[in-house]
Structures are given as structure tokens and as C-alpha cells.
């Protein structure tokens, strides 16, 4: 009898543990967001997929269907593959630079320097500045007669002064420098929060064993913030695919497509050139690449056993 009662309690306890987190009455609260997501976002994605099968300039009625011809055109377009190469290089360089700078600056802020709060604000200011404000400033700074070349000429390095935004070999690197300047503050804040979760006793024990700052950073802090690093990698990868504002506002994708990304290519194709069907196909390709990249990065994180 006692055994049967125990089993009954276990079954009741198991049923209680398996009770859904959201009861029927909870769906009333999530219904507006569900309608917005399904009715707007996914409808727009589906409609974009439909447009990608049309030969349409965005204005004429009853455009003819071309099936998958726009997608075949995408794979045969050398500018598309150039944009993919730029995106990969952009992701690798900006992610490595932002991670390295964010890690070091966050560790320095954890050493409790004077005016630490002021440093945090100064580092985070570029994140909240609109690209429409910063782009003209950097366009002036890196112009042929801008402040960068002026400084190089006045410190005896005039030989390397050049039109940074007007040549293919340097324009993309300028875009990456601007992006690192803009988003390193976000990386610093996230790493600073992650470092706050590391047990101080572990760091104190490492100090007692003779570990210096560099050793603690490499052996304790870096593994301790691995989850944040992988989350930042996912965000940076998807952000690189969606890059549009800075390249378009600074160089308009030029010169000679040197700073062309998928975002700038979609806009240039759909609006100025009026090839809306082809632009929609590029948009669907961007969506597919972003989904695949996000899934691969999340699988990588699960394989390492790291929880978000």
C-alpha cells in the first residue's frame, strides 16, 4: 500500500513538473505579438518570395512570372559573390577586433580605475549615435584633404597619405574601422557584465598561485565569458550580412563595388535600377544565408556545451 501511494505521489509530482509554463489564459497576452509576427513579418517574407519570381520594376501591373530565373541570375552575378567576399572579410576583421578590444577594455574597467563610469559612457556613446550623423564626419576625416592625411603630413608620414575612400584597396578597410569604432562599446558592456559573474575567489586563488594579469585573462576570464563570445559571434555574423547604413552613407558601395554588401546591393538593384524582382531574390538569399549561419553558430555552441 505504501509503495502504491508513493508511486501515486510520484505520478502527481511528475504531472505537476510537466505542467505547461503558460496556461490557456496566458495565450491572451502573447496573442498580439503572435498576430504581429505571423501577420506582418512572415507575410512580408512570403510576399517577397513571391515577388522574387516576377520580372517587375515595382510599378507596372501584372508583371510576368519568370520562375527561378532571378535566382539563377543571382548565382551568375559576379557582384553578388564580391558582396559575399566582402561580408566574410568584414565579419572576420570586425569580430576579431571588437572581441580583442572589448575583452581588454572590460578587464581594465573591472580593475576599478578612477572615473570608471565616465569611461563606460564614453565607450558606449558611438553605439547610440545614428549612422547618418557619423557618416559625414568620417567621410570628411578620410577625405583626400581630410584630417587623417593632414596628420600624416605633419608627422612626417606624408608618403602614405592617400585618398582612402576613393580607391578600392582601402575603402573597405575604412568601413571596417568605422564599424569597430561604433560597436566596440557594446562589446565592452557585454563582456563587463559577463566578467561580473566570474567567481572572485577563483581569481584570488590564481593570484595566490602567482598568476599575473595576462595569465588570468587568458586562462580564467576568457573561458569564463565564452558564452558571451559565441553570442557576440552570432550577432556579429548576422549584423555583417545586414550591413547597409555605413557603406551606403560613406561610399555608396563604391568605388567600383569595393564596399558593396548584400544590403547595398539589394537597395541599388531595387530602387535606383528598378529591378524589384531581382532585388527580392537577393533579399531571400540574404535571409537564407542568415538563417543557415545562425543555425550553424548555435549548433557549434551546443557542441561546446555552452549555455547562453
C-alpha atoms as a PDB file:
ATOM      1  CA  UNK A   1       0.000   0.000   0.000  1.00  0.00           C
ATOM      2  CA  UNK A   2       2.817   2.377   0.913  1.00  0.00           C
ATOM      3  CA  UNK A   3       4.549   1.638  -2.374  1.00  0.00           C
ATOM      4  CA  UNK A   4       1.357   2.322  -4.342  1.00  0.00           C
ATOM      5  CA  UNK A   5       0.867   5.634  -2.533  1.00  0.00           C
ATOM      6  CA  UNK A   6       4.471   6.599  -3.270  1.00  0.00           C
ATOM      7  CA  UNK A   7       4.016   5.807  -6.940  1.00  0.00           C
ATOM      8  CA  UNK A   8       0.828   7.861  -6.991  1.00  0.00           C
ATOM      9  CA  UNK A   9       2.613  10.804  -5.396  1.00  0.00           C
ATOM     10  CA  UNK A  10       5.453  10.436  -7.907  1.00  0.00           C
ATOM     11  CA  UNK A  11       2.957  10.440 -10.775  1.00  0.00           C
ATOM     12  CA  UNK A  12       1.234  13.513  -9.365  1.00  0.00           C
ATOM     13  CA  UNK A  13       4.599  15.207  -8.840  1.00  0.00           C
ATOM     14  CA  UNK A  14       5.688  14.322 -12.362  1.00  0.00           C
ATOM     15  CA  UNK A  15       2.445  15.691 -13.760  1.00  0.00           C
ATOM     16  CA  UNK A  16       2.972  18.873 -11.767  1.00  0.00           C
ATOM     17  CA  UNK A  17       6.504  19.211 -13.043  1.00  0.00           C
ATOM     18  CA  UNK A  18       5.290  18.711 -16.607  1.00  0.00           C
ATOM     19  CA  UNK A  19       2.610  21.379 -16.251  1.00  0.00           C
ATOM     20  CA  UNK A  20       2.985  23.894 -19.095  1.00  0.00           C
ATOM     21  CA  UNK A  21       4.657  27.171 -18.250  1.00  0.00           C
ATOM     22  CA  UNK A  22       1.896  29.123 -19.988  1.00  0.00           C
ATOM     23  CA  UNK A  23      -1.690  28.165 -19.273  1.00  0.00           C
ATOM     24  CA  UNK A  24      -4.612  28.743 -21.653  1.00  0.00           C
ATOM     25  CA  UNK A  25      -5.223  32.172 -20.151  1.00  0.00           C
ATOM     26  CA  UNK A  26      -1.612  33.159 -20.933  1.00  0.00           C
ATOM     27  CA  UNK A  27      -2.176  32.998 -24.676  1.00  0.00           C
ATOM     28  CA  UNK A  28      -4.318  36.126 -24.395  1.00  0.00           C
ATOM     29  CA  UNK A  29      -1.193  38.110 -23.555  1.00  0.00           C
ATOM     30  CA  UNK A  30       1.008  36.725 -26.322  1.00  0.00           C
ATOM     31  CA  UNK A  31      -1.701  36.799 -28.986  1.00  0.00           C
ATOM     32  CA  UNK A  32      -0.983  40.403 -30.149  1.00  0.00           C
ATOM     33  CA  UNK A  33       2.707  39.653 -30.641  1.00  0.00           C
ATOM     34  CA  UNK A  34       1.830  36.380 -32.386  1.00  0.00           C
ATOM     35  CA  UNK A  35      -0.529  38.153 -34.769  1.00  0.00           C
ATOM     36  CA  UNK A  36       2.081  40.829 -35.462  1.00  0.00           C
ATOM     37  CA  UNK A  37       4.798  38.265 -36.167  1.00  0.00           C
ATOM     38  CA  UNK A  38       2.723  35.962 -38.348  1.00  0.00           C
ATOM     39  CA  UNK A  39       0.556  38.598 -39.959  1.00  0.00           C
ATOM     40  CA  UNK A  40       3.265  41.115 -40.743  1.00  0.00           C
ATOM     41  CA  UNK A  41       6.758  39.667 -40.682  1.00  0.00           C
ATOM     42  CA  UNK A  42       6.089  36.234 -42.154  1.00  0.00           C
ATOM     43  CA  UNK A  43       3.552  37.604 -44.587  1.00  0.00           C
ATOM     44  CA  UNK A  44       6.147  40.074 -45.846  1.00  0.00           C
ATOM     45  CA  UNK A  45       8.717  37.286 -46.187  1.00  0.00           C
ATOM     46  CA  UNK A  46       6.244  35.202 -48.179  1.00  0.00           C
ATOM     47  CA  UNK A  47       5.273  38.159 -50.352  1.00  0.00           C
ATOM     48  CA  UNK A  48       8.953  38.922 -51.016  1.00  0.00           C
ATOM     49  CA  UNK A  49       9.414  35.302 -52.074  1.00  0.00           C
ATOM     50  CA  UNK A  50       6.501  35.696 -54.475  1.00  0.00           C
ATOM     51  CA  UNK A  51       7.924  38.927 -55.936  1.00  0.00           C
ATOM     52  CA  UNK A  52      11.271  37.186 -56.449  1.00  0.00           C
ATOM     53  CA  UNK A  53       9.609  35.019 -59.113  1.00  0.00           C
ATOM     54  CA  UNK A  54       8.478  38.055 -61.136  1.00  0.00           C
ATOM     55  CA  UNK A  55      10.101  40.323 -63.689  1.00  0.00           C
ATOM     56  CA  UNK A  56       8.861  43.518 -62.059  1.00  0.00           C
ATOM     57  CA  UNK A  57      10.054  47.102 -61.831  1.00  0.00           C
ATOM     58  CA  UNK A  58       7.804  47.898 -58.880  1.00  0.00           C
ATOM     59  CA  UNK A  59       5.180  49.931 -60.736  1.00  0.00           C
ATOM     60  CA  UNK A  60       3.794  48.086 -63.769  1.00  0.00           C
ATOM     61  CA  UNK A  61       0.644  45.985 -63.200  1.00  0.00           C
ATOM     62  CA  UNK A  62       0.502  42.263 -63.930  1.00  0.00           C
ATOM     63  CA  UNK A  63       4.247  41.574 -64.141  1.00  0.00           C
ATOM     64  CA  UNK A  64       5.175  38.312 -65.872  1.00  0.00           C
ATOM     65  CA  UNK A  65       6.391  35.337 -63.863  1.00  0.00           C
ATOM     66  CA  UNK A  66       9.936  34.173 -64.565  1.00  0.00           C
ATOM     67  CA  UNK A  67      10.067  31.269 -62.111  1.00  0.00           C
ATOM     68  CA  UNK A  68      13.515  30.825 -60.620  1.00  0.00           C
ATOM     69  CA  UNK A  69      15.308  32.859 -63.277  1.00  0.00           C
ATOM     70  CA  UNK A  70      16.096  35.636 -60.796  1.00  0.00           C
ATOM     71  CA  UNK A  71      17.844  33.137 -58.528  1.00  0.00           C
ATOM     72  CA  UNK A  72      19.861  31.790 -61.442  1.00  0.00           C
ATOM     73  CA  UNK A  73      20.821  35.393 -62.183  1.00  0.00           C
ATOM     74  CA  UNK A  74      21.947  35.830 -58.579  1.00  0.00           C
ATOM     75  CA  UNK A  75      24.353  32.885 -58.747  1.00  0.00           C
ATOM     76  CA  UNK A  76      25.749  34.133 -62.060  1.00  0.00           C
ATOM     77  CA  UNK A  77      26.222  37.710 -60.838  1.00  0.00           C
ATOM     78  CA  UNK A  78      29.906  38.462 -60.013  1.00  0.00           C
ATOM     79  CA  UNK A  79      28.863  41.440 -57.863  1.00  0.00           C
ATOM     80  CA  UNK A  80      26.868  39.075 -55.629  1.00  0.00           C
ATOM     81  CA  UNK A  81      29.925  36.925 -54.984  1.00  0.00           C
ATOM     82  CA  UNK A  82      32.009  40.059 -54.440  1.00  0.00           C
ATOM     83  CA  UNK A  83      29.482  41.170 -51.807  1.00  0.00           C
ATOM     84  CA  UNK A  84      29.726  37.750 -50.133  1.00  0.00           C
ATOM     85  CA  UNK A  85      33.533  38.013 -50.001  1.00  0.00           C
ATOM     86  CA  UNK A  86      33.287  41.497 -48.536  1.00  0.00           C
ATOM     87  CA  UNK A  87      30.819  40.239 -45.929  1.00  0.00           C
ATOM     88  CA  UNK A  88      33.083  37.373 -44.847  1.00  0.00           C
ATOM     89  CA  UNK A  89      36.152  39.614 -44.597  1.00  0.00           C
ATOM     90  CA  UNK A  90      34.113  42.272 -42.821  1.00  0.00           C
ATOM     91  CA  UNK A  91      32.806  39.758 -40.269  1.00  0.00           C
ATOM     92  CA  UNK A  92      36.211  38.230 -39.518  1.00  0.00           C
ATOM     93  CA  UNK A  93      38.075  41.526 -39.129  1.00  0.00           C
ATOM     94  CA  UNK A  94      35.425  43.411 -37.176  1.00  0.00           C
ATOM     95  CA  UNK A  95      34.586  40.487 -34.882  1.00  0.00           C
ATOM     96  CA  UNK A  96      38.236  39.813 -34.018  1.00  0.00           C
ATOM     97  CA  UNK A  97      38.980  43.495 -33.456  1.00  0.00           C
ATOM     98  CA  UNK A  98      35.848  44.154 -31.396  1.00  0.00           C
ATOM     99  CA  UNK A  99      36.378  40.991 -29.326  1.00  0.00           C
ATOM    100  CA  UNK A 100      40.014  41.787 -28.561  1.00  0.00           C
ATOM    101  CA  UNK A 101      39.346  45.438 -27.729  1.00  0.00           C
ATOM    102  CA  UNK A 102      36.165  44.627 -25.794  1.00  0.00           C
ATOM    103  CA  UNK A 103      37.863  41.970 -23.698  1.00  0.00           C
ATOM    104  CA  UNK A 104      40.853  44.136 -22.785  1.00  0.00           C
ATOM    105  CA  UNK A 105      38.821  47.272 -22.071  1.00  0.00           C
ATOM    106  CA  UNK A 106      36.257  45.356 -19.997  1.00  0.00           C
ATOM    107  CA  UNK A 107      39.068  43.784 -17.948  1.00  0.00           C
ATOM    108  CA  UNK A 108      40.618  47.219 -17.402  1.00  0.00           C
ATOM    109  CA  UNK A 109      37.263  48.611 -16.265  1.00  0.00           C
ATOM    110  CA  UNK A 110      36.995  45.745 -13.770  1.00  0.00           C
ATOM    111  CA  UNK A 111      40.259  46.913 -12.209  1.00  0.00           C
ATOM    112  CA  UNK A 112      38.198  49.831 -10.828  1.00  0.00           C
ATOM    113  CA  UNK A 113      40.011  52.780 -12.389  1.00  0.00           C
ATOM    114  CA  UNK A 114      39.171  56.337 -11.458  1.00  0.00           C
ATOM    115  CA  UNK A 115      36.153  57.694 -13.338  1.00  0.00           C
ATOM    116  CA  UNK A 116      35.249  54.187 -14.499  1.00  0.00           C
ATOM    117  CA  UNK A 117      31.619  55.176 -15.098  1.00  0.00           C
ATOM    118  CA  UNK A 118      32.747  58.044 -17.332  1.00  0.00           C
ATOM    119  CA  UNK A 119      34.842  55.628 -19.388  1.00  0.00           C
ATOM    120  CA  UNK A 120      31.834  53.361 -19.858  1.00  0.00           C
ATOM    121  CA  UNK A 121      29.709  56.244 -21.092  1.00  0.00           C
ATOM    122  CA  UNK A 122      32.428  57.449 -23.476  1.00  0.00           C
ATOM    123  CA  UNK A 123      32.877  53.948 -24.902  1.00  0.00           C
ATOM    124  CA  UNK A 124      29.135  53.447 -25.325  1.00  0.00           C
ATOM    125  CA  UNK A 125      28.350  56.793 -26.960  1.00  0.00           C
ATOM    126  CA  UNK A 126      29.247  55.631 -30.521  1.00  0.00           C
ATOM    127  CA  UNK A 127      26.693  52.801 -30.204  1.00  0.00           C
ATOM    128  CA  UNK A 128      23.791  55.216 -29.795  1.00  0.00           C
ATOM    129  CA  UNK A 129      24.904  57.706 -32.453  1.00  0.00           C
ATOM    130  CA  UNK A 130      22.940  57.487 -35.687  1.00  0.00           C
ATOM    131  CA  UNK A 131      24.972  56.460 -38.756  1.00  0.00           C
ATOM    132  CA  UNK A 132      23.511  59.454 -40.600  1.00  0.00           C
ATOM    133  CA  UNK A 133      25.409  61.643 -38.110  1.00  0.00           C
ATOM    134  CA  UNK A 134      28.708  59.772 -38.017  1.00  0.00           C
ATOM    135  CA  UNK A 135      28.999  59.003 -41.752  1.00  0.00           C
ATOM    136  CA  UNK A 136      29.575  62.619 -42.934  1.00  0.00           C
ATOM    137  CA  UNK A 137      32.160  63.085 -40.176  1.00  0.00           C
ATOM    138  CA  UNK A 138      34.183  60.053 -41.238  1.00  0.00           C
ATOM    139  CA  UNK A 139      33.771  60.985 -44.880  1.00  0.00           C
ATOM    140  CA  UNK A 140      35.489  64.272 -44.070  1.00  0.00           C
ATOM    141  CA  UNK A 141      38.128  62.665 -41.844  1.00  0.00           C
ATOM    142  CA  UNK A 142      39.213  60.174 -44.530  1.00  0.00           C
ATOM    143  CA  UNK A 143      38.857  62.551 -47.478  1.00  0.00           C
ATOM    144  CA  UNK A 144      41.890  63.350 -49.633  1.00  0.00           C
ATOM    145  CA  UNK A 145      42.238  66.681 -47.814  1.00  0.00           C
ATOM    146  CA  UNK A 146      40.861  65.343 -44.531  1.00  0.00           C
ATOM    147  CA  UNK A 147      42.267  65.138 -41.031  1.00  0.00           C
ATOM    148  CA  UNK A 148      43.939  61.725 -41.462  1.00  0.00           C
ATOM    149  CA  UNK A 149      46.105  62.866 -44.365  1.00  0.00           C
ATOM    150  CA  UNK A 150      46.722  66.214 -42.620  1.00  0.00           C
ATOM    151  CA  UNK A 151      48.024  64.377 -39.560  1.00  0.00           C
ATOM    152  CA  UNK A 152      50.197  62.047 -41.642  1.00  0.00           C
ATOM    153  CA  UNK A 153      51.727  65.004 -43.488  1.00  0.00           C
ATOM    154  CA  UNK A 154      52.526  66.792 -40.227  1.00  0.00           C
ATOM    155  CA  UNK A 155      54.223  63.844 -38.532  1.00  0.00           C
ATOM    156  CA  UNK A 156      56.483  63.018 -41.448  1.00  0.00           C
ATOM    157  CA  UNK A 157      54.387  60.174 -42.920  1.00  0.00           C
ATOM    158  CA  UNK A 158      53.056  62.081 -45.895  1.00  0.00           C
ATOM    159  CA  UNK A 159      54.286  59.318 -48.193  1.00  0.00           C
ATOM    160  CA  UNK A 160      51.449  57.037 -47.053  1.00  0.00           C
ATOM    161  CA  UNK A 161      48.746  59.703 -47.305  1.00  0.00           C
ATOM    162  CA  UNK A 162      46.214  58.705 -49.931  1.00  0.00           C
ATOM    163  CA  UNK A 163      42.558  59.074 -50.957  1.00  0.00           C
ATOM    164  CA  UNK A 164      41.291  56.448 -48.537  1.00  0.00           C
ATOM    165  CA  UNK A 165      37.676  56.393 -49.731  1.00  0.00           C
ATOM    166  CA  UNK A 166      38.377  56.867 -53.430  1.00  0.00           C
ATOM    167  CA  UNK A 167      40.351  53.693 -54.086  1.00  0.00           C
ATOM    168  CA  UNK A 168      39.314  50.053 -53.933  1.00  0.00           C
ATOM    169  CA  UNK A 169      42.302  48.900 -51.885  1.00  0.00           C
ATOM    170  CA  UNK A 170      41.494  50.993 -48.804  1.00  0.00           C
ATOM    171  CA  UNK A 171      37.771  51.890 -48.897  1.00  0.00           C
ATOM    172  CA  UNK A 172      36.601  48.607 -47.327  1.00  0.00           C
ATOM    173  CA  UNK A 173      39.156  48.899 -44.532  1.00  0.00           C
ATOM    174  CA  UNK A 174      37.871  52.367 -43.692  1.00  0.00           C
ATOM    175  CA  UNK A 175      34.347  50.960 -43.434  1.00  0.00           C
ATOM    176  CA  UNK A 176      35.617  48.278 -41.052  1.00  0.00           C
ATOM    177  CA  UNK A 177      37.448  50.862 -38.917  1.00  0.00           C
ATOM    178  CA  UNK A 178      34.246  52.896 -38.595  1.00  0.00           C
ATOM    179  CA  UNK A 179      32.266  49.783 -37.634  1.00  0.00           C
ATOM    180  CA  UNK A 180      34.789  48.747 -34.973  1.00  0.00           C
ATOM    181  CA  UNK A 181      34.701  52.267 -33.531  1.00  0.00           C
ATOM    182  CA  UNK A 182      30.907  52.194 -33.471  1.00  0.00           C
ATOM    183  CA  UNK A 183      30.273  48.767 -31.915  1.00  0.00           C
ATOM    184  CA  UNK A 184      33.225  48.110 -29.602  1.00  0.00           C
ATOM    185  CA  UNK A 185      31.359  49.893 -26.803  1.00  0.00           C
ATOM    186  CA  UNK A 186      28.566  47.308 -26.947  1.00  0.00           C
ATOM    187  CA  UNK A 187      31.123  44.504 -26.751  1.00  0.00           C
ATOM    188  CA  UNK A 188      32.775  46.145 -23.748  1.00  0.00           C
ATOM    189  CA  UNK A 189      29.471  46.420 -21.859  1.00  0.00           C
ATOM    190  CA  UNK A 190      28.514  42.787 -22.553  1.00  0.00           C
ATOM    191  CA  UNK A 191      31.945  41.479 -21.554  1.00  0.00           C
ATOM    192  CA  UNK A 192      31.920  43.661 -18.457  1.00  0.00           C
ATOM    193  CA  UNK A 193      28.586  42.129 -17.414  1.00  0.00           C
ATOM    194  CA  UNK A 194      29.860  38.610 -18.143  1.00  0.00           C
ATOM    195  CA  UNK A 195      33.039  39.181 -16.139  1.00  0.00           C
ATOM    196  CA  UNK A 196      30.921  40.256 -13.175  1.00  0.00           C
ATOM    197  CA  UNK A 197      29.610  36.670 -12.987  1.00  0.00           C
ATOM    198  CA  UNK A 198      33.080  35.135 -12.565  1.00  0.00           C
ATOM    199  CA  UNK A 199      33.764  33.959  -9.020  1.00  0.00           C
ATOM    200  CA  UNK A 200      36.246  36.337  -7.401  1.00  0.00           C
ATOM    201  CA  UNK A 201      37.615  33.511  -5.267  1.00  0.00           C
ATOM    202  CA  UNK A 202      38.917  31.805  -8.403  1.00  0.00           C
ATOM    203  CA  UNK A 203      40.782  34.971  -9.394  1.00  0.00           C
ATOM    204  CA  UNK A 204      42.157  35.400  -5.871  1.00  0.00           C
ATOM    205  CA  UNK A 205      43.348  31.789  -5.853  1.00  0.00           C
ATOM    206  CA  UNK A 206      45.084  32.356  -9.182  1.00  0.00           C
ATOM    207  CA  UNK A 207      46.811  35.436  -7.770  1.00  0.00           C
ATOM    208  CA  UNK A 208      47.994  33.440  -4.759  1.00  0.00           C
ATOM    209  CA  UNK A 209      49.462  30.877  -7.171  1.00  0.00           C
ATOM    210  CA  UNK A 210      51.443  33.652  -8.862  1.00  0.00           C
ATOM    211  CA  UNK A 211      49.266  34.228 -11.946  1.00  0.00           C
ATOM    212  CA  UNK A 212      49.693  37.656 -13.486  1.00  0.00           C
ATOM    213  CA  UNK A 213      47.060  39.755 -15.216  1.00  0.00           C
ATOM    214  CA  UNK A 214      47.714  38.254 -18.641  1.00  0.00           C
ATOM    215  CA  UNK A 215      47.586  34.712 -17.294  1.00  0.00           C
ATOM    216  CA  UNK A 216      44.285  35.368 -15.516  1.00  0.00           C
ATOM    217  CA  UNK A 217      42.856  36.958 -18.644  1.00  0.00           C
ATOM    218  CA  UNK A 218      43.786  34.004 -20.861  1.00  0.00           C
ATOM    219  CA  UNK A 219      43.204  31.080 -18.507  1.00  0.00           C
ATOM    220  CA  UNK A 220      40.270  32.205 -16.357  1.00  0.00           C
ATOM    221  CA  UNK A 221      38.424  35.217 -17.747  1.00  0.00           C
ATOM    222  CA  UNK A 222      38.432  34.211 -21.426  1.00  0.00           C
ATOM    223  CA  UNK A 223      36.937  30.722 -20.788  1.00  0.00           C
ATOM    224  CA  UNK A 224      34.506  32.258 -18.314  1.00  0.00           C
ATOM    225  CA  UNK A 225      32.969  34.552 -20.934  1.00  0.00           C
ATOM    226  CA  UNK A 226      32.911  32.007 -23.766  1.00  0.00           C
ATOM    227  CA  UNK A 227      29.120  32.029 -23.890  1.00  0.00           C
ATOM    228  CA  UNK A 228      29.110  35.799 -24.385  1.00  0.00           C
ATOM    229  CA  UNK A 229      31.737  35.466 -27.117  1.00  0.00           C
ATOM    230  CA  UNK A 230      29.649  32.945 -29.042  1.00  0.00           C
ATOM    231  CA  UNK A 231      26.549  35.108 -28.663  1.00  0.00           C
ATOM    232  CA  UNK A 232      28.514  38.089 -29.972  1.00  0.00           C
ATOM    233  CA  UNK A 233      29.751  35.963 -32.882  1.00  0.00           C
ATOM    234  CA  UNK A 234      26.160  35.157 -33.833  1.00  0.00           C
ATOM    235  CA  UNK A 235      25.081  38.788 -33.609  1.00  0.00           C
ATOM    236  CA  UNK A 236      28.152  39.972 -35.499  1.00  0.00           C
ATOM    237  CA  UNK A 237      27.655  37.434 -38.289  1.00  0.00           C
ATOM    238  CA  UNK A 238      24.017  38.369 -38.822  1.00  0.00           C
ATOM    239  CA  UNK A 239      24.864  42.065 -38.487  1.00  0.00           C
ATOM    240  CA  UNK A 240      27.562  41.705 -41.137  1.00  0.00           C
ATOM    241  CA  UNK A 241      25.046  40.190 -43.526  1.00  0.00           C
ATOM    242  CA  UNK A 242      22.642  43.092 -42.925  1.00  0.00           C
ATOM    243  CA  UNK A 243      25.298  45.824 -43.193  1.00  0.00           C
ATOM    244  CA  UNK A 244      23.916  48.745 -45.146  1.00  0.00           C
ATOM    245  CA  UNK A 245      23.945  52.152 -43.478  1.00  0.00           C
ATOM    246  CA  UNK A 246      27.668  52.909 -43.069  1.00  0.00           C
ATOM    247  CA  UNK A 247      28.799  51.575 -46.502  1.00  0.00           C
ATOM    248  CA  UNK A 248      25.949  53.334 -48.267  1.00  0.00           C
ATOM    249  CA  UNK A 249      26.280  56.653 -46.435  1.00  0.00           C
ATOM    250  CA  UNK A 250      30.079  56.782 -46.663  1.00  0.00           C
ATOM    251  CA  UNK A 251      30.900  55.279 -50.068  1.00  0.00           C
ATOM    252  CA  UNK A 252      27.539  54.275 -51.668  1.00  0.00           C
ATOM    253  CA  UNK A 253      29.051  50.814 -52.219  1.00  0.00           C
ATOM    254  CA  UNK A 254      31.952  52.148 -54.275  1.00  0.00           C
ATOM    255  CA  UNK A 255      34.400  52.757 -55.642  1.00  0.00           C
ATOM    256  CA  UNK A 256      33.972  50.049 -58.277  1.00  0.00           C
ATOM    257  CA  UNK A 257      31.852  47.924 -55.869  1.00  0.00           C
ATOM    258  CA  UNK A 258      34.766  47.825 -53.397  1.00  0.00           C
ATOM    259  CA  UNK A 259      32.392  48.305 -50.440  1.00  0.00           C
ATOM    260  CA  UNK A 260      29.367  46.518 -51.871  1.00  0.00           C
ATOM    261  CA  UNK A 261      27.448  44.383 -49.392  1.00  0.00           C
ATOM    262  CA  UNK A 262      24.235  42.445 -49.818  1.00  0.00           C
ATOM    263  CA  UNK A 263      22.262  45.269 -48.202  1.00  0.00           C
ATOM    264  CA  UNK A 264      23.640  47.952 -50.516  1.00  0.00           C
ATOM    265  CA  UNK A 265      23.257  45.645 -53.491  1.00  0.00           C
ATOM    266  CA  UNK A 266      19.599  44.969 -52.685  1.00  0.00           C
ATOM    267  CA  UNK A 267      18.869  48.683 -52.377  1.00  0.00           C
ATOM    268  CA  UNK A 268      20.786  49.633 -55.532  1.00  0.00           C
ATOM    269  CA  UNK A 269      19.090  46.898 -57.533  1.00  0.00           C
ATOM    270  CA  UNK A 270      15.563  47.502 -56.268  1.00  0.00           C
ATOM    271  CA  UNK A 271      15.366  51.310 -56.083  1.00  0.00           C
ATOM    272  CA  UNK A 272      17.747  53.107 -58.475  1.00  0.00           C
ATOM    273  CA  UNK A 273      17.809  50.315 -61.080  1.00  0.00           C
ATOM    274  CA  UNK A 274      14.131  49.373 -60.648  1.00  0.00           C
ATOM    275  CA  UNK A 275      14.730  45.589 -60.743  1.00  0.00           C
ATOM    276  CA  UNK A 276      12.406  44.788 -57.854  1.00  0.00           C
ATOM    277  CA  UNK A 277      12.036  41.088 -58.697  1.00  0.00           C
ATOM    278  CA  UNK A 278      15.799  40.600 -58.761  1.00  0.00           C
ATOM    279  CA  UNK A 279      16.172  42.630 -55.561  1.00  0.00           C
ATOM    280  CA  UNK A 280      13.568  40.406 -53.877  1.00  0.00           C
ATOM    281  CA  UNK A 281      15.553  37.329 -54.915  1.00  0.00           C
ATOM    282  CA  UNK A 282      18.652  38.876 -53.342  1.00  0.00           C
ATOM    283  CA  UNK A 283      16.633  39.539 -50.173  1.00  0.00           C
ATOM    284  CA  UNK A 284      15.550  35.895 -49.964  1.00  0.00           C
ATOM    285  CA  UNK A 285      19.159  34.792 -50.474  1.00  0.00           C
ATOM    286  CA  UNK A 286      20.188  37.108 -47.633  1.00  0.00           C
ATOM    287  CA  UNK A 287      17.507  35.594 -45.395  1.00  0.00           C
ATOM    288  CA  UNK A 288      18.571  32.037 -46.202  1.00  0.00           C
ATOM    289  CA  UNK A 289      22.261  32.771 -45.584  1.00  0.00           C
ATOM    290  CA  UNK A 290      21.457  34.487 -42.266  1.00  0.00           C
ATOM    291  CA  UNK A 291      19.314  31.543 -41.108  1.00  0.00           C
ATOM    292  CA  UNK A 292      21.944  28.979 -42.079  1.00  0.00           C
ATOM    293  CA  UNK A 293      24.706  30.952 -40.372  1.00  0.00           C
ATOM    294  CA  UNK A 294      22.645  31.396 -37.212  1.00  0.00           C
ATOM    295  CA  UNK A 295      21.816  27.689 -37.063  1.00  0.00           C
ATOM    296  CA  UNK A 296      25.451  26.662 -37.589  1.00  0.00           C
ATOM    297  CA  UNK A 297      26.703  29.012 -34.882  1.00  0.00           C
ATOM    298  CA  UNK A 298      24.076  27.765 -32.421  1.00  0.00           C
ATOM    299  CA  UNK A 299      24.946  24.143 -33.194  1.00  0.00           C
ATOM    300  CA  UNK A 300      28.578  24.994 -32.593  1.00  0.00           C
ATOM    301  CA  UNK A 301      27.670  26.462 -29.236  1.00  0.00           C
ATOM    302  CA  UNK A 302      25.688  23.363 -28.230  1.00  0.00           C
ATOM    303  CA  UNK A 303      28.581  21.104 -29.226  1.00  0.00           C
ATOM    304  CA  UNK A 304      30.829  23.036 -26.868  1.00  0.00           C
ATOM    305  CA  UNK A 305      28.267  22.646 -24.104  1.00  0.00           C
ATOM    306  CA  UNK A 306      27.969  26.382 -23.583  1.00  0.00           C
ATOM    307  CA  UNK A 307      24.646  27.770 -22.413  1.00  0.00           C
ATOM    308  CA  UNK A 308      23.506  31.204 -23.398  1.00  0.00           C
END
